[in-house]
Amino acid sequence: MTHRVKGLFVAALSLSILLMSFLPGAALASSVIEIQGVRDVDGTLIAEFSLKGMLSGRTREMLGRGMPATLTYRIELWKTRAGWFDRLVTSKSCQYRVNYDVWQNAFLVETEGASPKRFQDIPQVETECCLGKKFSIVPLAELEKGSRYFLIINATFKPLSLEEITQMQGWLSGELRHRGEQTGGGIPRYLLGLVVNIAGLGDKSVLARTGGFSLSDLRPQ
């Protein structure tokens, strides 16, 4: 076995042990999007839903130990077309970034265009990021009379961004060099991805679809 291969194996194994040490024995929990409704609010199509179970089990353990993460929602409005492919009308996205502030002993939640918020525990973070969500999709004036539509809601929880993985790789490589061990020039990204998935830190996604609706459903006579 070459020094490079040995170095890659040692680095990947060390990183796996490090990641697993953050998550001792917590099981992955199932997640579900519960759709509360699709409504007309002041002439705008509003989607109301809650994300249940995403911040529990192993995810809760990870967040509690200070591992940063993002939770991203993507809501798509589709138009039903009989005998043909359905058409994507528009989509909306929103991302929450969750990080534990060790100095303040609080969770920091950031979203684009809003001031960061601090919370004392994960249930408060879950209330902010997952429960009772309301998203504006499109003005009702842009929907066609007589056409039918549906929404697809996707939620993705991502524990490690590429930047964070790179930072961890740099730290680990430095530690191995300090111990006099060969790193082989760093850990390839495919190995990092493999280790992250083995450690149970890969992306978690859940999908939900509404029933079909039309303008007359939103504005009953």
C-alpha atoms as a PDB file:
ATOM      1  CA  MET A   1       0.000   0.000   0.000  1.00  0.00           C
ATOM      2  CA  THR A   2       1.480   3.360  -1.035  1.00  0.00           C
ATOM      3  CA  HIS A   3       2.004   6.234   1.390  1.00  0.00           C
ATOM      4  CA  ARG A   4      -0.758   8.174  -0.398  1.00  0.00           C
ATOM      5  CA  VAL A   5      -3.306   5.358  -0.069  1.00  0.00           C
ATOM      6  CA  LYS A   6      -2.326   4.786   3.555  1.00  0.00           C
ATOM      7  CA  GLY A   7      -2.659   8.493   4.208  1.00  0.00           C
ATOM      8  CA  LEU A   8      -6.096   8.668   2.625  1.00  0.00           C
ATOM      9  CA  PHE A   9      -7.267   5.666   4.627  1.00  0.00           C
ATOM     10  CA  VAL A  10      -5.984   7.067   7.918  1.00  0.00           C
ATOM     11  CA  ALA A  11      -7.466  10.489   7.200  1.00  0.00           C
ATOM     12  CA  ALA A  12     -10.861   9.099   6.206  1.00  0.00           C
ATOM     13  CA  LEU A  13     -10.949   6.753   9.196  1.00  0.00           C
ATOM     14  CA  SER A  14      -9.962   9.536  11.575  1.00  0.00           C
ATOM     15  CA  LEU A  15     -12.602  11.842  10.149  1.00  0.00           C
ATOM     16  CA  SER A  16     -15.229   9.113  10.451  1.00  0.00           C
ATOM     17  CA  ILE A  17     -14.337   8.553  14.107  1.00  0.00           C
ATOM     18  CA  LEU A  18     -14.454  12.299  14.713  1.00  0.00           C
ATOM     19  CA  LEU A  19     -17.879  12.664  13.138  1.00  0.00           C
ATOM     20  CA  MET A  20     -19.295   9.634  14.900  1.00  0.00           C
ATOM     21  CA  SER A  21     -18.107  10.994  18.226  1.00  0.00           C
ATOM     22  CA  PHE A  22     -20.560  13.839  17.759  1.00  0.00           C
ATOM     23  CA  LEU A  23     -23.466  11.425  17.386  1.00  0.00           C
ATOM     24  CA  PRO A  24     -23.412   8.633  19.969  1.00  0.00           C
ATOM     25  CA  GLY A  25     -26.175   6.161  19.329  1.00  0.00           C
ATOM     26  CA  ALA A  26     -29.052   8.473  18.378  1.00  0.00           C
ATOM     27  CA  ALA A  27     -31.322   6.988  15.729  1.00  0.00           C
ATOM     28  CA  LEU A  28     -32.475   8.770  12.610  1.00  0.00           C
ATOM     29  CA  ALA A  29     -36.053   9.958  12.963  1.00  0.00           C
ATOM     30  CA  SER A  30     -38.664   9.928  10.218  1.00  0.00           C
ATOM     31  CA  SER A  31     -39.859  13.284   8.933  1.00  0.00           C
ATOM     32  CA  VAL A  32     -43.108  14.405   7.366  1.00  0.00           C
ATOM     33  CA  ILE A  33     -44.564  17.605   5.941  1.00  0.00           C
ATOM     34  CA  GLU A  34     -48.115  18.186   7.166  1.00  0.00           C
ATOM     35  CA  ILE A  35     -49.994  20.529   4.843  1.00  0.00           C
ATOM     36  CA  GLN A  36     -52.504  22.711   6.681  1.00  0.00           C
ATOM     37  CA  GLY A  37     -53.937  24.389   3.620  1.00  0.00           C
ATOM     38  CA  VAL A  38     -53.625  26.377   0.404  1.00  0.00           C
ATOM     39  CA  ARG A  39     -55.430  29.693   0.832  1.00  0.00           C
ATOM     40  CA  ASP A  40     -56.285  33.048  -0.649  1.00  0.00           C
ATOM     41  CA  VAL A  41     -54.921  35.739   1.678  1.00  0.00           C
ATOM     42  CA  ASP A  42     -55.531  39.253   0.385  1.00  0.00           C
ATOM     43  CA  GLY A  43     -55.317  38.105  -3.224  1.00  0.00           C
ATOM     44  CA  THR A  44     -52.172  36.015  -2.785  1.00  0.00           C
ATOM     45  CA  LEU A  45     -51.792  32.230  -2.883  1.00  0.00           C
ATOM     46  CA  ILE A  46     -50.483  31.129   0.508  1.00  0.00           C
ATOM     47  CA  ALA A  47     -49.166  27.663   1.423  1.00  0.00           C
ATOM     48  CA  GLU A  48     -49.429  26.661   5.088  1.00  0.00           C
ATOM     49  CA  PHE A  49     -47.601  23.612   6.442  1.00  0.00           C
ATOM     50  CA  SER A  50     -45.482  22.198   9.257  1.00  0.00           C
ATOM     51  CA  LEU A  51     -42.376  20.045   9.085  1.00  0.00           C
ATOM     52  CA  LYS A  52     -42.505  17.334  11.764  1.00  0.00           C
ATOM     53  CA  GLY A  53     -39.655  15.127  12.996  1.00  0.00           C
ATOM     54  CA  MET A  54     -36.775  16.717  11.090  1.00  0.00           C
ATOM     55  CA  LEU A  55     -35.024  18.164  14.168  1.00  0.00           C
ATOM     56  CA  SER A  56     -35.180  15.069  16.327  1.00  0.00           C
ATOM     57  CA  GLY A  57     -33.164  11.914  16.948  1.00  0.00           C
ATOM     58  CA  ARG A  58     -29.660  12.030  15.492  1.00  0.00           C
ATOM     59  CA  THR A  59     -30.244  15.502  14.067  1.00  0.00           C
ATOM     60  CA  ARG A  60     -31.044  16.863  17.516  1.00  0.00           C
ATOM     61  CA  GLU A  61     -27.860  15.275  18.887  1.00  0.00           C
ATOM     62  CA  MET A  62     -25.810  16.851  16.118  1.00  0.00           C
ATOM     63  CA  LEU A  63     -27.218  20.342  16.594  1.00  0.00           C
ATOM     64  CA  GLY A  64     -26.801  20.103  20.353  1.00  0.00           C
ATOM     65  CA  ARG A  65     -23.110  19.394  19.886  1.00  0.00           C
ATOM     66  CA  GLY A  66     -22.565  22.522  17.830  1.00  0.00           C
ATOM     67  CA  MET A  67     -22.535  21.173  14.257  1.00  0.00           C
ATOM     68  CA  PRO A  68     -23.915  23.882  11.915  1.00  0.00           C
ATOM     69  CA  ALA A  69     -26.703  23.016   9.490  1.00  0.00           C
ATOM     70  CA  THR A  70     -29.096  24.461   6.950  1.00  0.00           C
ATOM     71  CA  LEU A  71     -32.782  23.771   6.415  1.00  0.00           C
ATOM     72  CA  THR A  72     -34.050  24.709   2.968  1.00  0.00           C
ATOM     73  CA  TYR A  73     -37.640  24.816   1.731  1.00  0.00           C
ATOM     74  CA  ARG A  74     -38.571  24.804  -1.941  1.00  0.00           C
ATOM     75  CA  ILE A  75     -42.222  25.250  -2.876  1.00  0.00           C
ATOM     76  CA  GLU A  76     -43.216  24.663  -6.492  1.00  0.00           C
ATOM     77  CA  LEU A  77     -46.512  25.635  -8.138  1.00  0.00           C
ATOM     78  CA  TRP A  78     -47.478  23.305 -10.986  1.00  0.00           C
ATOM     79  CA  LYS A  79     -50.264  23.575 -13.541  1.00  0.00           C
ATOM     80  CA  THR A  80     -52.033  20.332 -14.446  1.00  0.00           C
ATOM     81  CA  ARG A  81     -52.183  19.625 -18.187  1.00  0.00           C
ATOM     82  CA  ALA A  82     -54.290  16.669 -19.282  1.00  0.00           C
ATOM     83  CA  GLY A  83     -52.579  14.401 -21.777  1.00  0.00           C
ATOM     84  CA  TRP A  84     -49.308  16.287 -21.435  1.00  0.00           C
ATOM     85  CA  PHE A  85     -46.569  16.984 -18.914  1.00  0.00           C
ATOM     86  CA  ASP A  86     -47.568  19.247 -16.042  1.00  0.00           C
ATOM     87  CA  ARG A  87     -45.994  22.716 -16.246  1.00  0.00           C
ATOM     88  CA  LEU A  88     -43.936  24.401 -13.538  1.00  0.00           C
ATOM     89  CA  VAL A  89     -45.434  27.862 -13.031  1.00  0.00           C
ATOM     90  CA  THR A  90     -43.130  29.251 -10.351  1.00  0.00           C
ATOM     91  CA  SER A  91     -41.055  28.249  -7.331  1.00  0.00           C
ATOM     92  CA  LYS A  92     -40.070  29.859  -4.045  1.00  0.00           C
ATOM     93  CA  SER A  93     -37.178  29.010  -1.738  1.00  0.00           C
ATOM     94  CA  CYS A  94     -36.256  29.874   1.829  1.00  0.00           C
ATOM     95  CA  GLN A  95     -33.235  28.758   3.829  1.00  0.00           C
ATOM     96  CA  TYR A  96     -32.593  28.710   7.570  1.00  0.00           C
ATOM     97  CA  ARG A  97     -29.049  28.408   8.868  1.00  0.00           C
ATOM     98  CA  VAL A  98     -28.753  27.010  12.388  1.00  0.00           C
ATOM     99  CA  ASN A  99     -25.572  27.254  14.430  1.00  0.00           C
ATOM    100  CA  TYR A 100     -24.852  26.809  18.126  1.00  0.00           C
ATOM    101  CA  ASP A 101     -23.109  29.782  19.732  1.00  0.00           C
ATOM    102  CA  VAL A 102     -20.937  28.277  22.453  1.00  0.00           C
ATOM    103  CA  TRP A 103     -20.080  31.650  23.989  1.00  0.00           C
ATOM    104  CA  GLN A 104     -23.712  32.746  24.259  1.00  0.00           C
ATOM    105  CA  ASN A 105     -25.011  29.228  25.042  1.00  0.00           C
ATOM    106  CA  ALA A 106     -27.761  29.730  22.463  1.00  0.00           C
ATOM    107  CA  PHE A 107     -28.780  28.629  18.978  1.00  0.00           C
ATOM    108  CA  LEU A 108     -28.426  31.253  16.246  1.00  0.00           C
ATOM    109  CA  VAL A 109     -30.959  31.073  13.388  1.00  0.00           C
ATOM    110  CA  GLU A 110     -30.313  33.146  10.272  1.00  0.00           C
ATOM    111  CA  THR A 111     -32.444  33.722   7.185  1.00  0.00           C
ATOM    112  CA  GLU A 112     -31.780  35.922   4.189  1.00  0.00           C
ATOM    113  CA  GLY A 113     -33.123  39.454   4.583  1.00  0.00           C
ATOM    114  CA  ALA A 114     -33.829  39.131   8.313  1.00  0.00           C
ATOM    115  CA  SER A 115     -31.903  39.803  11.491  1.00  0.00           C
ATOM    116  CA  PRO A 116     -30.445  36.716  13.237  1.00  0.00           C
ATOM    117  CA  LYS A 117     -32.529  35.294  16.075  1.00  0.00           C
ATOM    118  CA  ARG A 118     -31.288  33.508  19.197  1.00  0.00           C
ATOM    119  CA  PHE A 119     -33.042  30.592  20.902  1.00  0.00           C
ATOM    120  CA  GLN A 120     -32.247  28.731  24.099  1.00  0.00           C
ATOM    121  CA  ASP A 121     -33.100  25.202  22.990  1.00  0.00           C
ATOM    122  CA  ILE A 122     -33.910  23.027  19.980  1.00  0.00           C
ATOM    123  CA  PRO A 123     -37.713  23.000  20.533  1.00  0.00           C
ATOM    124  CA  GLN A 124     -37.631  26.788  20.109  1.00  0.00           C
ATOM    125  CA  VAL A 125     -35.534  26.374  16.947  1.00  0.00           C
ATOM    126  CA  GLU A 126     -38.053  23.842  15.646  1.00  0.00           C
ATOM    127  CA  THR A 127     -40.940  26.244  16.290  1.00  0.00           C
ATOM    128  CA  GLU A 128     -39.126  28.950  14.346  1.00  0.00           C
ATOM    129  CA  CYS A 129     -37.943  26.833  11.416  1.00  0.00           C
ATOM    130  CA  CYS A 130     -40.495  24.043  11.068  1.00  0.00           C
ATOM    131  CA  LEU A 131     -43.912  24.720  12.579  1.00  0.00           C
ATOM    132  CA  GLY A 132     -46.765  26.833  11.239  1.00  0.00           C
ATOM    133  CA  LYS A 133     -44.911  27.948   8.117  1.00  0.00           C
ATOM    134  CA  LYS A 134     -46.711  30.286   5.705  1.00  0.00           C
ATOM    135  CA  PHE A 135     -45.240  31.070   2.305  1.00  0.00           C
ATOM    136  CA  SER A 136     -46.526  33.492  -0.305  1.00  0.00           C
ATOM    137  CA  ILE A 137     -46.429  31.772  -3.684  1.00  0.00           C
ATOM    138  CA  VAL A 138     -47.990  33.972  -6.355  1.00  0.00           C
ATOM    139  CA  PRO A 139     -50.724  36.614  -6.807  1.00  0.00           C
ATOM    140  CA  LEU A 140     -54.022  34.910  -7.632  1.00  0.00           C
ATOM    141  CA  ALA A 141     -54.354  37.235 -10.611  1.00  0.00           C
ATOM    142  CA  GLU A 142     -51.631  35.173 -12.308  1.00  0.00           C
ATOM    143  CA  LEU A 143     -53.655  31.956 -12.100  1.00  0.00           C
ATOM    144  CA  GLU A 144     -55.869  31.018 -15.042  1.00  0.00           C
ATOM    145  CA  LYS A 145     -59.594  30.509 -14.575  1.00  0.00           C
ATOM    146  CA  GLY A 146     -60.650  26.931 -15.240  1.00  0.00           C
ATOM    147  CA  SER A 147     -57.105  25.559 -14.795  1.00  0.00           C
ATOM    148  CA  ARG A 148     -56.067  23.275 -11.979  1.00  0.00           C
ATOM    149  CA  TYR A 149     -52.878  23.523  -9.976  1.00  0.00           C
ATOM    150  CA  PHE A 150     -50.992  21.747  -7.204  1.00  0.00           C
ATOM    151  CA  LEU A 151     -48.020  22.490  -4.946  1.00  0.00           C
ATOM    152  CA  ILE A 152     -44.951  20.373  -4.276  1.00  0.00           C
ATOM    153  CA  ILE A 153     -43.174  21.217  -1.016  1.00  0.00           C
ATOM    154  CA  ASN A 154     -39.649  19.969  -0.417  1.00  0.00           C
ATOM    155  CA  ALA A 155     -37.630  20.352   2.805  1.00  0.00           C
ATOM    156  CA  THR A 156     -33.911  19.518   2.865  1.00  0.00           C
ATOM    157  CA  PHE A 157     -31.766  19.405   5.989  1.00  0.00           C
ATOM    158  CA  LYS A 158     -28.040  19.637   5.260  1.00  0.00           C
ATOM    159  CA  PRO A 159     -25.665  19.212   8.208  1.00  0.00           C
ATOM    160  CA  LEU A 160     -22.439  20.078   6.428  1.00  0.00           C
ATOM    161  CA  SER A 161     -21.870  22.566   3.646  1.00  0.00           C
ATOM    162  CA  LEU A 162     -18.944  22.155   1.260  1.00  0.00           C
ATOM    163  CA  GLU A 163     -17.176  25.013   3.014  1.00  0.00           C
ATOM    164  CA  GLU A 164     -17.590  23.377   6.410  1.00  0.00           C
ATOM    165  CA  ILE A 165     -16.382  20.012   5.090  1.00  0.00           C
ATOM    166  CA  THR A 166     -13.313  21.724   3.618  1.00  0.00           C
ATOM    167  CA  GLN A 167     -12.608  23.443   6.923  1.00  0.00           C
ATOM    168  CA  MET A 168     -12.865  20.114   8.759  1.00  0.00           C
ATOM    169  CA  GLN A 169     -10.587  18.514   6.172  1.00  0.00           C
ATOM    170  CA  GLY A 170      -7.989  21.243   6.678  1.00  0.00           C
ATOM    171  CA  TRP A 171      -8.154  20.871  10.441  1.00  0.00           C
ATOM    172  CA  LEU A 172      -7.848  17.110  10.289  1.00  0.00           C
ATOM    173  CA  SER A 173      -4.965  17.234   7.814  1.00  0.00           C
ATOM    174  CA  GLY A 174      -3.135  19.585  10.151  1.00  0.00           C
ATOM    175  CA  GLU A 175      -3.709  17.240  13.076  1.00  0.00           C
ATOM    176  CA  LEU A 176      -2.355  14.279  11.127  1.00  0.00           C
ATOM    177  CA  ARG A 177       0.729  16.200  10.020  1.00  0.00           C
ATOM    178  CA  HIS A 178       1.286  17.266  13.626  1.00  0.00           C
ATOM    179  CA  ARG A 179       1.321  13.577  14.588  1.00  0.00           C
ATOM    180  CA  GLY A 180       3.800  12.817  11.801  1.00  0.00           C
ATOM    181  CA  GLU A 181       1.297  10.786   9.756  1.00  0.00           C
ATOM    182  CA  GLN A 182       1.041  10.893   5.969  1.00  0.00           C
ATOM    183  CA  THR A 183      -2.109  12.605   4.633  1.00  0.00           C
ATOM    184  CA  GLY A 184      -1.409  12.068   0.950  1.00  0.00           C
ATOM    185  CA  GLY A 185      -2.196  15.670   0.095  1.00  0.00           C
ATOM    186  CA  GLY A 186      -5.659  15.777   1.614  1.00  0.00           C
ATOM    187  CA  ILE A 187      -8.913  13.857   1.521  1.00  0.00           C
ATOM    188  CA  PRO A 188     -10.710  13.721  -1.856  1.00  0.00           C
ATOM    189  CA  ARG A 189     -14.250  15.067  -1.851  1.00  0.00           C
ATOM    190  CA  TYR A 190     -15.732  11.717  -2.833  1.00  0.00           C
ATOM    191  CA  LEU A 191     -14.161  10.182   0.291  1.00  0.00           C
ATOM    192  CA  LEU A 192     -15.463  13.008   2.439  1.00  0.00           C
ATOM    193  CA  GLY A 193     -18.938  12.451   1.067  1.00  0.00           C
ATOM    194  CA  LEU A 194     -18.679   8.720   1.732  1.00  0.00           C
ATOM    195  CA  VAL A 195     -17.552   9.275   5.328  1.00  0.00           C
ATOM    196  CA  VAL A 196     -20.303  11.819   5.946  1.00  0.00           C
ATOM    197  CA  ASN A 197     -22.935   9.383   4.678  1.00  0.00           C
ATOM    198  CA  ILE A 198     -21.506   6.521   6.764  1.00  0.00           C
ATOM    199  CA  ALA A 199     -21.624   8.750   9.834  1.00  0.00           C
ATOM    200  CA  GLY A 200     -25.288   9.449   9.149  1.00  0.00           C
ATOM    201  CA  LEU A 201     -24.685  13.106   8.297  1.00  0.00           C
ATOM    202  CA  GLY A 202     -25.878  13.114   4.709  1.00  0.00           C
ATOM    203  CA  ASP A 203     -28.698  15.338   3.506  1.00  0.00           C
ATOM    204  CA  LYS A 204     -32.210  14.514   4.690  1.00  0.00           C
ATOM    205  CA  SER A 205     -35.117  15.428   2.407  1.00  0.00           C
ATOM    206  CA  VAL A 206     -38.868  15.057   2.653  1.00  0.00           C
ATOM    207  CA  LEU A 207     -41.482  15.821   0.006  1.00  0.00           C
ATOM    208  CA  ALA A 208     -45.208  16.525   0.061  1.00  0.00           C
ATOM    209  CA  ARG A 209     -47.790  17.324  -2.593  1.00  0.00           C
ATOM    210  CA  THR A 210     -51.096  19.096  -2.184  1.00  0.00           C
ATOM    211  CA  GLY A 211     -54.294  18.015  -3.839  1.00  0.00           C
ATOM    212  CA  GLY A 212     -55.399  19.793  -6.985  1.00  0.00           C
ATOM    213  CA  PHE A 213     -57.082  23.199  -6.691  1.00  0.00           C
ATOM    214  CA  SER A 214     -58.395  25.980  -8.886  1.00  0.00           C
ATOM    215  CA  LEU A 215     -59.320  29.637  -8.475  1.00  0.00           C
ATOM    216  CA  SER A 216     -62.909  28.664  -7.710  1.00  0.00           C
ATOM    217  CA  ASP A 217     -61.670  26.463  -4.832  1.00  0.00           C
ATOM    218  CA  LEU A 218     -59.741  29.386  -3.357  1.00  0.00           C
ATOM    219  CA  ARG A 219     -62.559  31.870  -3.927  1.00  0.00           C
ATOM    220  CA  PRO A 220     -65.796  29.924  -3.464  1.00  0.00           C
ATOM    221  CA  GLN A 221     -68.938  31.766  -4.567  1.00  0.00           C
END
